[in-house]
PDB file of N, CA and C in Angstrom:
ATOM      1  N   MET A   1     -67.689  23.859  -7.117  1.00  0.00           N
ATOM      2  CA  MET A   1     -66.741  23.803  -6.054  1.00  0.00           C
ATOM      3  C   MET A   1     -65.865  22.570  -6.152  1.00  0.00           C
ATOM      4  N   SER A   2     -66.395  21.481  -6.627  1.00  0.00           N
ATOM      5  CA  SER A   2     -65.593  20.271  -6.716  1.00  0.00           C
ATOM      6  C   SER A   2     -64.450  20.452  -7.700  1.00  0.00           C
ATOM      7  N   GLY A   3     -64.619  21.301  -8.711  1.00  0.00           N
ATOM      8  CA  GLY A   3     -63.539  21.582  -9.660  1.00  0.00           C
ATOM      9  C   GLY A   3     -62.408  22.326  -8.976  1.00  0.00           C
ATOM     10  N   GLY A   4     -62.737  23.207  -8.041  1.00  0.00           N
ATOM     11  CA  GLY A   4     -61.718  23.956  -7.312  1.00  0.00           C
ATOM     12  C   GLY A   4     -60.926  23.047  -6.378  1.00  0.00           C
ATOM     13  N   LYS A   5     -61.635  22.078  -5.766  1.00  0.00           N
ATOM     14  CA  LYS A   5     -60.945  21.144  -4.871  1.00  0.00           C
ATOM     15  C   LYS A   5     -60.013  20.223  -5.651  1.00  0.00           C
ATOM     16  N   ALA A   6     -60.467  19.789  -6.799  1.00  0.00           N
ATOM     17  CA  ALA A   6     -59.636  18.902  -7.619  1.00  0.00           C
ATOM     18  C   ALA A   6     -58.394  19.654  -8.071  1.00  0.00           C
ATOM     19  N   ARG A   7     -58.600  20.904  -8.434  1.00  0.00           N
ATOM     20  CA  ARG A   7     -57.463  21.704  -8.876  1.00  0.00           C
ATOM     21  C   ARG A   7     -56.493  21.930  -7.711  1.00  0.00           C
ATOM     22  N   LYS A   8     -57.053  22.198  -6.522  1.00  0.00           N
ATOM     23  CA  LYS A   8     -56.242  22.434  -5.340  1.00  0.00           C
ATOM     24  C   LYS A   8     -55.492  21.171  -4.939  1.00  0.00           C
ATOM     25  N   SER A   9     -56.159  20.006  -4.978  1.00  0.00           N
ATOM     26  CA  SER A   9     -55.487  18.752  -4.626  1.00  0.00           C
ATOM     27  C   SER A   9     -54.443  18.395  -5.677  1.00  0.00           C
ATOM     28  N   GLY A  10     -54.682  18.752  -6.952  1.00  0.00           N
ATOM     29  CA  GLY A  10     -53.684  18.522  -8.008  1.00  0.00           C
ATOM     30  C   GLY A  10     -52.440  19.352  -7.749  1.00  0.00           C
ATOM     31  N   LEU A  11     -52.630  20.614  -7.298  1.00  0.00           N
ATOM     32  CA  LEU A  11     -51.482  21.449  -6.983  1.00  0.00           C
ATOM     33  C   LEU A  11     -50.737  20.902  -5.761  1.00  0.00           C
ATOM     34  N   ASN A  12     -51.491  20.425  -4.768  1.00  0.00           N
ATOM     35  CA  ASN A  12     -50.858  19.854  -3.583  1.00  0.00           C
ATOM     36  C   ASN A  12     -50.037  18.614  -3.943  1.00  0.00           C
ATOM     37  N   ALA A  13     -50.565  17.801  -4.821  1.00  0.00           N
ATOM     38  CA  ALA A  13     -49.844  16.599  -5.247  1.00  0.00           C
ATOM     39  C   ALA A  13     -48.568  16.998  -5.992  1.00  0.00           C
ATOM     40  N   GLU A  14     -48.689  18.011  -6.843  1.00  0.00           N
ATOM     41  CA  GLU A  14     -47.505  18.479  -7.569  1.00  0.00           C
ATOM     42  C   GLU A  14     -46.475  19.047  -6.610  1.00  0.00           C
ATOM     43  N   GLU A  15     -46.943  19.806  -5.614  1.00  0.00           N
ATOM     44  CA  GLU A  15     -46.015  20.366  -4.628  1.00  0.00           C
ATOM     45  C   GLU A  15     -45.349  19.257  -3.815  1.00  0.00           C
ATOM     46  N   MET A  16     -46.121  18.240  -3.457  1.00  0.00           N
ATOM     47  CA  MET A  16     -45.570  17.120  -2.702  1.00  0.00           C
ATOM     48  C   MET A  16     -44.525  16.373  -3.538  1.00  0.00           C
ATOM     49  N   LEU A  17     -44.844  16.162  -4.803  1.00  0.00           N
ATOM     50  CA  LEU A  17     -43.884  15.486  -5.673  1.00  0.00           C
ATOM     51  C   LEU A  17     -42.623  16.333  -5.847  1.00  0.00           C
ATOM     52  N   GLN A  18     -42.810  17.641  -5.971  1.00  0.00           N
ATOM     53  CA  GLN A  18     -41.650  18.525  -6.113  1.00  0.00           C
ATOM     54  C   GLN A  18     -40.799  18.509  -4.844  1.00  0.00           C
ATOM     55  N   GLN A  19     -41.434  18.526  -3.694  1.00  0.00           N
ATOM     56  CA  GLN A  19     -40.686  18.462  -2.430  1.00  0.00           C
ATOM     57  C   GLN A  19     -39.940  17.133  -2.308  1.00  0.00           C
ATOM     58  N   GLU A  20     -40.624  16.053  -2.687  1.00  0.00           N
ATOM     59  CA  GLU A  20     -39.968  14.739  -2.630  1.00  0.00           C
ATOM     60  C   GLU A  20     -38.780  14.692  -3.599  1.00  0.00           C
ATOM     61  N   ASN A  21     -38.957  15.239  -4.793  1.00  0.00           N
ATOM     62  CA  ASN A  21     -37.853  15.301  -5.760  1.00  0.00           C
ATOM     63  C   ASN A  21     -36.700  16.138  -5.224  1.00  0.00           C
ATOM     64  N   ASP A  22     -37.030  17.273  -4.605  1.00  0.00           N
ATOM     65  CA  ASP A  22     -35.989  18.120  -4.023  1.00  0.00           C
ATOM     66  C   ASP A  22     -35.237  17.371  -2.918  1.00  0.00           C
ATOM     67  N   HIS A  23     -35.978  16.663  -2.089  1.00  0.00           N
ATOM     68  CA  HIS A  23     -35.372  15.895  -0.999  1.00  0.00           C
ATOM     69  C   HIS A  23     -34.455  14.799  -1.565  1.00  0.00           C
ATOM     70  N   LEU A  24     -34.939  14.068  -2.563  1.00  0.00           N
ATOM     71  CA  LEU A  24     -34.127  13.013  -3.178  1.00  0.00           C
ATOM     72  C   LEU A  24     -32.903  13.595  -3.881  1.00  0.00           C
ATOM     73  N   THR A  25     -33.065  14.762  -4.489  1.00  0.00           N
ATOM     74  CA  THR A  25     -31.935  15.421  -5.152  1.00  0.00           C
ATOM     75  C   THR A  25     -30.877  15.819  -4.127  1.00  0.00           C
ATOM     76  N   ASP A  26     -31.331  16.343  -2.995  1.00  0.00           N
ATOM     77  CA  ASP A  26     -30.385  16.710  -1.930  1.00  0.00           C
ATOM     78  C   ASP A  26     -29.641  15.479  -1.407  1.00  0.00           C
ATOM     79  N   ASN A  27     -30.377  14.380  -1.204  1.00  0.00           N
ATOM     80  CA  ASN A  27     -29.734  13.140  -0.751  1.00  0.00           C
ATOM     81  C   ASN A  27     -28.714  12.638  -1.768  1.00  0.00           C
ATOM     82  N   LEU A  28     -29.083  12.688  -3.033  1.00  0.00           N
ATOM     83  CA  LEU A  28     -28.174  12.247  -4.090  1.00  0.00           C
ATOM     84  C   LEU A  28     -26.934  13.143  -4.154  1.00  0.00           C
ATOM     85  N   THR A  29     -27.126  14.435  -3.964  1.00  0.00           N
ATOM     86  CA  THR A  29     -26.001  15.370  -3.967  1.00  0.00           C
ATOM     87  C   THR A  29     -25.040  15.054  -2.824  1.00  0.00           C
ATOM     88  N   MET A  30     -25.583  14.755  -1.641  1.00  0.00           N
ATOM     89  CA  MET A  30     -24.733  14.412  -0.492  1.00  0.00           C
ATOM     90  C   MET A  30     -23.971  13.119  -0.751  1.00  0.00           C
ATOM     91  N   LYS A  31     -24.634  12.126  -1.351  1.00  0.00           N
ATOM     92  CA  LYS A  31     -23.968  10.860  -1.632  1.00  0.00           C
ATOM     93  C   LYS A  31     -22.866  11.027  -2.668  1.00  0.00           C
ATOM     94  N   VAL A  32     -23.122  11.825  -3.699  1.00  0.00           N
ATOM     95  CA  VAL A  32     -22.108  12.084  -4.723  1.00  0.00           C
ATOM     96  C   VAL A  32     -20.913  12.809  -4.104  1.00  0.00           C
ATOM     97  N   SER A  33     -21.193  13.764  -3.235  1.00  0.00           N
ATOM     98  CA  SER A  33     -20.118  14.484  -2.554  1.00  0.00           C
ATOM     99  C   SER A  33     -19.292  13.539  -1.691  1.00  0.00           C
ATOM    100  N   SER A  34     -19.954  12.638  -0.998  1.00  0.00           N
ATOM    101  CA  SER A  34     -19.264  11.665  -0.159  1.00  0.00           C
ATOM    102  C   SER A  34     -18.391  10.739  -1.015  1.00  0.00           C
ATOM    103  N   LEU A  35     -18.924  10.278  -2.135  1.00  0.00           N
ATOM    104  CA  LEU A  35     -18.152   9.411  -3.030  1.00  0.00           C
ATOM    105  C   LEU A  35     -16.953  10.149  -3.625  1.00  0.00           C
ATOM    106  N   LYS A  36     -17.141  11.418  -3.942  1.00  0.00           N
ATOM    107  CA  LYS A  36     -16.048  12.220  -4.492  1.00  0.00           C
ATOM    108  C   LYS A  36     -14.935  12.367  -3.454  1.00  0.00           C
ATOM    109  N   SER A  37     -15.307  12.605  -2.214  1.00  0.00           N
ATOM    110  CA  SER A  37     -14.329  12.713  -1.139  1.00  0.00           C
ATOM    111  C   SER A  37     -13.598  11.387  -0.934  1.00  0.00           C
ATOM    112  N   LEU A  38     -14.319  10.281  -0.977  1.00  0.00           N
ATOM    113  CA  LEU A  38     -13.719   8.961  -0.829  1.00  0.00           C
ATOM    114  C   LEU A  38     -12.749   8.672  -1.970  1.00  0.00           C
ATOM    115  N   ALA A  39     -13.142   9.009  -3.191  1.00  0.00           N
ATOM    116  CA  ALA A  39     -12.255   8.802  -4.344  1.00  0.00           C
ATOM    117  C   ALA A  39     -10.994   9.643  -4.212  1.00  0.00           C
ATOM    118  N   SER A  40     -11.126  10.847  -3.718  1.00  0.00           N
ATOM    119  CA  SER A  40      -9.966  11.713  -3.509  1.00  0.00           C
ATOM    120  C   SER A  40      -9.035  11.123  -2.457  1.00  0.00           C
ATOM    121  N   ASP A  41      -9.598  10.584  -1.373  1.00  0.00           N
ATOM    122  CA  ASP A  41      -8.785   9.947  -0.329  1.00  0.00           C
ATOM    123  C   ASP A  41      -8.063   8.717  -0.869  1.00  0.00           C
ATOM    124  N   ILE A  42      -8.754   7.927  -1.683  1.00  0.00           N
ATOM    125  CA  ILE A  42      -8.142   6.741  -2.274  1.00  0.00           C
ATOM    126  C   ILE A  42      -6.995   7.144  -3.198  1.00  0.00           C
ATOM    127  N   GLU A  43      -7.202   8.190  -3.981  1.00  0.00           N
ATOM    128  CA  GLU A  43      -6.145   8.661  -4.885  1.00  0.00           C
ATOM    129  C   GLU A  43      -4.920   9.115  -4.091  1.00  0.00           C
ATOM    130  N   ARG A  44      -5.145   9.866  -3.031  1.00  0.00           N
ATOM    131  CA  ARG A  44      -4.047  10.360  -2.198  1.00  0.00           C
ATOM    132  C   ARG A  44      -3.278   9.190  -1.577  1.00  0.00           C
ATOM    133  N   GLU A  45      -4.000   8.207  -1.055  1.00  0.00           N
ATOM    134  CA  GLU A  45      -3.365   7.041  -0.445  1.00  0.00           C
ATOM    135  C   GLU A  45      -2.589   6.229  -1.484  1.00  0.00           C
ATOM    136  N   THR A  46      -3.140   6.091  -2.672  1.00  0.00           N
ATOM    137  CA  THR A  46      -2.469   5.354  -3.741  1.00  0.00           C
ATOM    138  C   THR A  46      -1.171   6.030  -4.136  1.00  0.00           C
ATOM    139  N   ARG A  47      -1.195   7.347  -4.268  1.00  0.00           N
ATOM    140  CA  ARG A  47       0.033   8.079  -4.613  1.00  0.00           C
ATOM    141  C   ARG A  47       1.094   7.906  -3.527  1.00  0.00           C
ATOM    142  N   SER A  48       0.667   7.971  -2.272  1.00  0.00           N
ATOM    143  CA  SER A  48       1.595   7.804  -1.161  1.00  0.00           C
ATOM    144  C   SER A  48       2.220   6.412  -1.178  1.00  0.00           C
ATOM    145  N   GLN A  49       1.413   5.396  -1.412  1.00  0.00           N
ATOM    146  CA  GLN A  49       1.933   4.039  -1.442  1.00  0.00           C
ATOM    147  C   GLN A  49       2.835   3.813  -2.645  1.00  0.00           C
ATOM    148  N   ASN A  50       2.543   4.447  -3.775  1.00  0.00           N
ATOM    149  CA  ASN A  50       3.417   4.326  -4.936  1.00  0.00           C
ATOM    150  C   ASN A  50       4.794   4.922  -4.656  1.00  0.00           C
ATOM    151  N   VAL A  51       4.831   6.030  -3.938  1.00  0.00           N
ATOM    152  CA  VAL A  51       6.116   6.632  -3.563  1.00  0.00           C
ATOM    153  C   VAL A  51       6.894   5.673  -2.666  1.00  0.00           C
ATOM    154  N   GLN A  52       6.215   5.064  -1.698  1.00  0.00           N
ATOM    155  CA  GLN A  52       6.875   4.114  -0.808  1.00  0.00           C
ATOM    156  C   GLN A  52       7.392   2.899  -1.581  1.00  0.00           C
ATOM    157  N   LEU A  53       6.601   2.412  -2.531  1.00  0.00           N
ATOM    158  CA  LEU A  53       7.032   1.264  -3.320  1.00  0.00           C
ATOM    159  C   LEU A  53       8.233   1.607  -4.189  1.00  0.00           C
ATOM    160  N   ASP A  54       8.261   2.812  -4.745  1.00  0.00           N
ATOM    161  CA  ASP A  54       9.415   3.241  -5.539  1.00  0.00           C
ATOM    162  C   ASP A  54      10.666   3.304  -4.670  1.00  0.00           C
ATOM    163  N   ASP A  55      10.516   3.821  -3.448  1.00  0.00           N
ATOM    164  CA  ASP A  55      11.655   3.884  -2.525  1.00  0.00           C
ATOM    165  C   ASP A  55      12.153   2.477  -2.177  1.00  0.00           C
ATOM    166  N   MET A  56      11.216   1.565  -1.941  1.00  0.00           N
ATOM    167  CA  MET A  56      11.602   0.193  -1.631  1.00  0.00           C
ATOM    168  C   MET A  56      12.301  -0.459  -2.822  1.00  0.00           C
ATOM    169  N   ASP A  57      11.821  -0.180  -4.025  1.00  0.00           N
ATOM    170  CA  ASP A  57      12.439  -0.731  -5.224  1.00  0.00           C
ATOM    171  C   ASP A  57      13.883  -0.257  -5.346  1.00  0.00           C
ATOM    172  N   ASP A  58      14.099   1.023  -5.088  1.00  0.00           N
ATOM    173  CA  ASP A  58      15.457   1.562  -5.127  1.00  0.00           C
ATOM    174  C   ASP A  58      16.340   0.898  -4.069  1.00  0.00           C
ATOM    175  N   SER A  59      15.800   0.718  -2.875  1.00  0.00           N
ATOM    176  CA  SER A  59      16.567   0.086  -1.794  1.00  0.00           C
ATOM    177  C   SER A  59      16.928  -1.351  -2.137  1.00  0.00           C
ATOM    178  N   PHE A  60      15.943  -2.096  -2.645  1.00  0.00           N
ATOM    179  CA  PHE A  60      16.210  -3.490  -2.994  1.00  0.00           C
ATOM    180  C   PHE A  60      17.166  -3.590  -4.172  1.00  0.00           C
ATOM    181  N   GLY A  61      17.094  -2.644  -5.091  1.00  0.00           N
ATOM    182  CA  GLY A  61      18.027  -2.638  -6.210  1.00  0.00           C
ATOM    183  C   GLY A  61      19.454  -2.451  -5.725  1.00  0.00           C
ATOM    184  N   GLY A  62      19.631  -1.545  -4.769  1.00  0.00           N
ATOM    185  CA  GLY A  62      20.957  -1.326  -4.190  1.00  0.00           C
ATOM    186  C   GLY A  62      21.453  -2.546  -3.435  1.00  0.00           C
ATOM    187  N   ALA A  63      20.553  -3.200  -2.708  1.00  0.00           N
ATOM    188  CA  ALA A  63      20.939  -4.408  -1.967  1.00  0.00           C
ATOM    189  C   ALA A  63      21.304  -5.526  -2.933  1.00  0.00           C
ATOM    190  N   GLY A  64      20.570  -5.636  -4.037  1.00  0.00           N
ATOM    191  CA  GLY A  64      20.883  -6.659  -5.042  1.00  0.00           C
ATOM    192  C   GLY A  64      22.254  -6.441  -5.652  1.00  0.00           C
ATOM    193  N   THR A  65      22.579  -5.189  -5.933  1.00  0.00           N
ATOM    194  CA  THR A  65      23.899  -4.871  -6.476  1.00  0.00           C
ATOM    195  C   THR A  65      24.989  -5.216  -5.473  1.00  0.00           C
ATOM    196  N   LEU A  66      24.762  -4.879  -4.215  1.00  0.00           N
ATOM    197  CA  LEU A  66      25.727  -5.186  -3.166  1.00  0.00           C
ATOM    198  C   LEU A  66      25.934  -6.696  -3.027  1.00  0.00           C
ATOM    199  N   LEU A  67      24.833  -7.451  -3.029  1.00  0.00           N
ATOM    200  CA  LEU A  67      24.934  -8.906  -2.900  1.00  0.00           C
ATOM    201  C   LEU A  67      25.631  -9.535  -4.101  1.00  0.00           C
ATOM    202  N   SER A  68      25.335  -9.059  -5.290  1.00  0.00           N
ATOM    203  CA  SER A  68      25.992  -9.641  -6.461  1.00  0.00           C
ATOM    204  C   SER A  68      27.489  -9.352  -6.426  1.00  0.00           C
ATOM    205  N   GLY A  69      27.882  -8.168  -5.969  1.00  0.00           N
ATOM    206  CA  GLY A  69      29.300  -7.859  -5.825  1.00  0.00           C
ATOM    207  C   GLY A  69      29.969  -8.763  -4.792  1.00  0.00           C
ATOM    208  N   THR A  70      29.275  -9.015  -3.704  1.00  0.00           N
ATOM    209  CA  THR A  70      29.811  -9.889  -2.663  1.00  0.00           C
ATOM    210  C   THR A  70      29.973 -11.311  -3.175  1.00  0.00           C
ATOM    211  N   VAL A  71      28.984 -11.806  -3.890  1.00  0.00           N
ATOM    212  CA  VAL A  71      29.065 -13.158  -4.446  1.00  0.00           C
ATOM    213  C   VAL A  71      30.224 -13.258  -5.425  1.00  0.00           C
ATOM    214  N   ASN A  72      30.409 -12.230  -6.246  1.00  0.00           N
ATOM    215  CA  ASN A  72      31.532 -12.240  -7.186  1.00  0.00           C
ATOM    216  C   ASN A  72      32.871 -12.258  -6.451  1.00  0.00           C
ATOM    217  N   ARG A  73      32.967 -11.527  -5.359  1.00  0.00           N
ATOM    218  CA  ARG A  73      34.212 -11.537  -4.577  1.00  0.00           C
ATOM    219  C   ARG A  73      34.472 -12.896  -3.948  1.00  0.00           C
ATOM    220  N   VAL A  74      33.415 -13.528  -3.434  1.00  0.00           N
ATOM    221  CA  VAL A  74      33.564 -14.859  -2.837  1.00  0.00           C
ATOM    222  C   VAL A  74      33.975 -15.864  -3.908  1.00  0.00           C
ATOM    223  N   LYS A  75      33.374 -15.777  -5.083  1.00  0.00           N
ATOM    224  CA  LYS A  75      33.756 -16.675  -6.175  1.00  0.00           C
ATOM    225  C   LYS A  75      35.219 -16.472  -6.537  1.00  0.00           C
ATOM    226  N   GLY A  76      35.635 -15.228  -6.629  1.00  0.00           N
ATOM    227  CA  GLY A  76      37.043 -14.941  -6.929  1.00  0.00           C
ATOM    228  C   GLY A  76      37.967 -15.484  -5.868  1.00  0.00           C
ATOM    229  N   MET A  77      37.552 -15.364  -4.629  1.00  0.00           N
ATOM    230  CA  MET A  77      38.371 -15.858  -3.528  1.00  0.00           C
ATOM    231  C   MET A  77      38.492 -17.379  -3.591  1.00  0.00           C
ATOM    232  N   LEU A  78      37.396 -18.052  -3.938  1.00  0.00           N
ATOM    233  CA  LEU A  78      37.423 -19.505  -4.009  1.00  0.00           C
ATOM    234  C   LEU A  78      38.203 -19.997  -5.223  1.00  0.00           C
ATOM    235  N   LEU A  79      38.266 -19.201  -6.266  1.00  0.00           N
ATOM    236  CA  LEU A  79      38.973 -19.608  -7.477  1.00  0.00           C
ATOM    237  C   LEU A  79      40.466 -19.303  -7.425  1.00  0.00           C
ATOM    238  N   VAL A  80      40.917 -18.613  -6.415  1.00  0.00           N
ATOM    239  CA  VAL A  80      42.326 -18.244  -6.301  1.00  0.00           C
ATOM    240  C   VAL A  80      43.202 -19.491  -6.235  1.00  0.00           C
ATOM    241  N   GLY A  81      42.715 -20.544  -5.658  1.00  0.00           N
ATOM    242  CA  GLY A  81      43.473 -21.782  -5.606  1.00  0.00           C
ATOM    243  C   GLY A  81      44.239 -21.952  -4.320  1.00  0.00           C
ATOM    244  N   SER A  82      43.816 -21.299  -3.278  1.00  0.00           N
ATOM    245  CA  SER A  82      44.529 -21.475  -2.005  1.00  0.00           C
ATOM    246  C   SER A  82      44.218 -22.843  -1.421  1.00  0.00           C
ATOM    247  N   SER A  83      45.079 -23.285  -0.575  1.00  0.00           N
ATOM    248  CA  SER A  83      44.897 -24.612   0.009  1.00  0.00           C
ATOM    249  C   SER A  83      43.877 -24.595   1.146  1.00  0.00           C
ATOM    250  N   ASN A  84      43.481 -23.436   1.564  1.00  0.00           N
ATOM    251  CA  ASN A  84      42.549 -23.327   2.692  1.00  0.00           C
ATOM    252  C   ASN A  84      41.117 -23.027   2.234  1.00  0.00           C
ATOM    253  N   ARG A  85      40.730 -23.475   1.052  1.00  0.00           N
ATOM    254  CA  ARG A  85      39.377 -23.206   0.548  1.00  0.00           C
ATOM    255  C   ARG A  85      38.308 -23.754   1.486  1.00  0.00           C
ATOM    256  N   LYS A  86      38.512 -24.940   1.947  1.00  0.00           N
ATOM    257  CA  LYS A  86      37.524 -25.577   2.818  1.00  0.00           C
ATOM    258  C   LYS A  86      37.362 -24.759   4.092  1.00  0.00           C
ATOM    259  N   LEU A  87      38.449 -24.331   4.663  1.00  0.00           N
ATOM    260  CA  LEU A  87      38.412 -23.517   5.870  1.00  0.00           C
ATOM    261  C   LEU A  87      37.716 -22.180   5.598  1.00  0.00           C
ATOM    262  N   THR A  88      37.995 -21.578   4.451  1.00  0.00           N
ATOM    263  CA  THR A  88      37.371 -20.306   4.082  1.00  0.00           C
ATOM    264  C   THR A  88      35.857 -20.474   3.923  1.00  0.00           C
ATOM    265  N   CYS A  89      35.436 -21.565   3.301  1.00  0.00           N
ATOM    266  CA  CYS A  89      33.989 -21.820   3.142  1.00  0.00           C
ATOM    267  C   CYS A  89      33.319 -22.009   4.498  1.00  0.00           C
ATOM    268  N   TYR A  90      33.951 -22.762   5.383  1.00  0.00           N
ATOM    269  CA  TYR A  90      33.387 -22.957   6.718  1.00  0.00           C
ATOM    270  C   TYR A  90      33.285 -21.623   7.467  1.00  0.00           C
ATOM    271  N   PHE A  91      34.280 -20.807   7.306  1.00  0.00           N
ATOM    272  CA  PHE A  91      34.275 -19.502   7.952  1.00  0.00           C
ATOM    273  C   PHE A  91      33.132 -18.631   7.411  1.00  0.00           C
ATOM    274  N   ALA A  92      32.953 -18.632   6.097  1.00  0.00           N
ATOM    275  CA  ALA A  92      31.875 -17.840   5.483  1.00  0.00           C
ATOM    276  C   ALA A  92      30.505 -18.348   5.941  1.00  0.00           C
ATOM    277  N   ILE A  93      30.344 -19.665   5.989  1.00  0.00           N
ATOM    278  CA  ILE A  93      29.065 -20.239   6.426  1.00  0.00           C
ATOM    279  C   ILE A  93      28.811 -19.894   7.892  1.00  0.00           C
ATOM    280  N   ALA A  94      29.862 -19.956   8.711  1.00  0.00           N
ATOM    281  CA  ALA A  94      29.713 -19.609  10.126  1.00  0.00           C
ATOM    282  C   ALA A  94      29.304 -18.148  10.279  1.00  0.00           C
ATOM    283  N   LEU A  95      29.882 -17.254   9.484  1.00  0.00           N
ATOM    284  CA  LEU A  95      29.490 -15.836   9.544  1.00  0.00           C
ATOM    285  C   LEU A  95      28.033 -15.631   9.157  1.00  0.00           C
ATOM    286  N   ILE A  96      27.593 -16.335   8.139  1.00  0.00           N
ATOM    287  CA  ILE A  96      26.195 -16.209   7.706  1.00  0.00           C
ATOM    288  C   ILE A  96      25.263 -16.721   8.803  1.00  0.00           C
ATOM    289  N   ILE A  97      25.611 -17.861   9.398  1.00  0.00           N
ATOM    290  CA  ILE A  97      24.774 -18.415  10.470  1.00  0.00           C
ATOM    291  C   ILE A  97      24.744 -17.462  11.669  1.00  0.00           C
ATOM    292  N   LEU A  98      25.872 -16.888  12.014  1.00  0.00           N
ATOM    293  CA  LEU A  98      25.912 -15.925  13.117  1.00  0.00           C
ATOM    294  C   LEU A  98      25.068 -14.696  12.815  1.00  0.00           C
ATOM    295  N   PHE A  99      25.117 -14.243  11.581  1.00  0.00           N
ATOM    296  CA  PHE A  99      24.301 -13.083  11.193  1.00  0.00           C
ATOM    297  C   PHE A  99      22.822 -13.374  11.424  1.00  0.00           C
ATOM    298  N   PHE A 100      22.351 -14.521  10.939  1.00  0.00           N
ATOM    299  CA  PHE A 100      20.940 -14.853  11.098  1.00  0.00           C
ATOM    300  C   PHE A 100      20.588 -15.110  12.562  1.00  0.00           C
ATOM    301  N   LEU A 101      21.502 -15.679  13.313  1.00  0.00           N
ATOM    302  CA  LEU A 101      21.264 -15.909  14.735  1.00  0.00           C
ATOM    303  C   LEU A 101      21.117 -14.586  15.479  1.00  0.00           C
ATOM    304  N   PHE A 102      22.031 -13.653  15.221  1.00  0.00           N
ATOM    305  CA  PHE A 102      21.919 -12.334  15.857  1.00  0.00           C
ATOM    306  C   PHE A 102      20.663 -11.597  15.404  1.00  0.00           C
ATOM    307  N   TYR A 103      20.313 -11.722  14.159  1.00  0.00           N
ATOM    308  CA  TYR A 103      19.088 -11.089  13.655  1.00  0.00           C
ATOM    309  C   TYR A 103      17.872 -11.655  14.385  1.00  0.00           C
ATOM    310  N   TYR A 104      17.821 -12.970  14.519  1.00  0.00           N
ATOM    311  CA  TYR A 104      16.704 -13.619  15.210  1.00  0.00           C
ATOM    312  C   TYR A 104      16.632 -13.165  16.672  1.00  0.00           C
ATOM    313  N   LEU A 105      17.755 -13.160  17.339  1.00  0.00           N
ATOM    314  CA  LEU A 105      17.785 -12.733  18.739  1.00  0.00           C
ATOM    315  C   LEU A 105      17.403 -11.266  18.890  1.00  0.00           C
ATOM    316  N   PHE A 106      17.869 -10.438  17.991  1.00  0.00           N
ATOM    317  CA  PHE A 106      17.546  -9.018  18.039  1.00  0.00           C
ATOM    318  C   PHE A 106      16.056  -8.782  17.852  1.00  0.00           C
ATOM    319  N   THR A 107      15.431  -9.501  16.914  1.00  0.00           N
ATOM    320  CA  THR A 107      13.989  -9.335  16.701  1.00  0.00           C
ATOM    321  C   THR A 107      13.194  -9.864  17.883  1.00  0.00           C
ATOM    322  N   LYS A 108      13.679 -10.932  18.515  1.00  0.00           N
ATOM    323  CA  LYS A 108      12.987 -11.466  19.694  1.00  0.00           C
ATOM    324  C   LYS A 108      13.011 -10.458  20.841  1.00  0.00           C
ATOM    325  N   VAL A 109      14.170  -9.825  21.036  1.00  0.00           N
ATOM    326  CA  VAL A 109      14.327  -8.883  22.143  1.00  0.00           C
ATOM    327  C   VAL A 109      13.515  -7.617  21.896  1.00  0.00           C
ATOM    328  N   THR A 110      13.499  -7.122  20.679  1.00  0.00           N
ATOM    329  CA  THR A 110      12.812  -5.856  20.408  1.00  0.00           C
ATOM    330  C   THR A 110      11.292  -6.001  20.342  1.00  0.00           C
ATOM    331  N   HIS A 111      10.759  -7.186  20.117  1.00  0.00           N
ATOM    332  CA  HIS A 111       9.309  -7.361  20.016  1.00  0.00           C
ATOM    333  C   HIS A 111       8.654  -7.692  21.355  1.00  0.00           C
ATOM    334  N   LYS A 112       9.407  -7.770  22.400  1.00  0.00           N
ATOM    335  CA  LYS A 112       8.835  -8.093  23.726  1.00  0.00           C
ATOM    336  C   LYS A 112       8.290  -6.882  24.385  1.00  0.00           C
TER     337      LYS A 112
END
């Protein structure tokens, strides 16, 4: 009879180990699925941000072209040789200061 009990307890141990393995396999499967979902979300977010960065690059490129054209026009205006260069420079500086002043005031008003 003791041989039958040993055999029965050996089967129980094997069944317990198999159940534990099945449980651990299920847990591992859930974790892998969760990681796969997280990786997919990260990929989607990365693609979205890359599109936004490309759009910003295009916008800044256009602004750079506009600014370089403006600087070239100002240089041409200053090189014309008019007698009112000093007055023109003061006027340009005043416009720039007014622009930044209005920008500052506008941001203060809209953030309240």
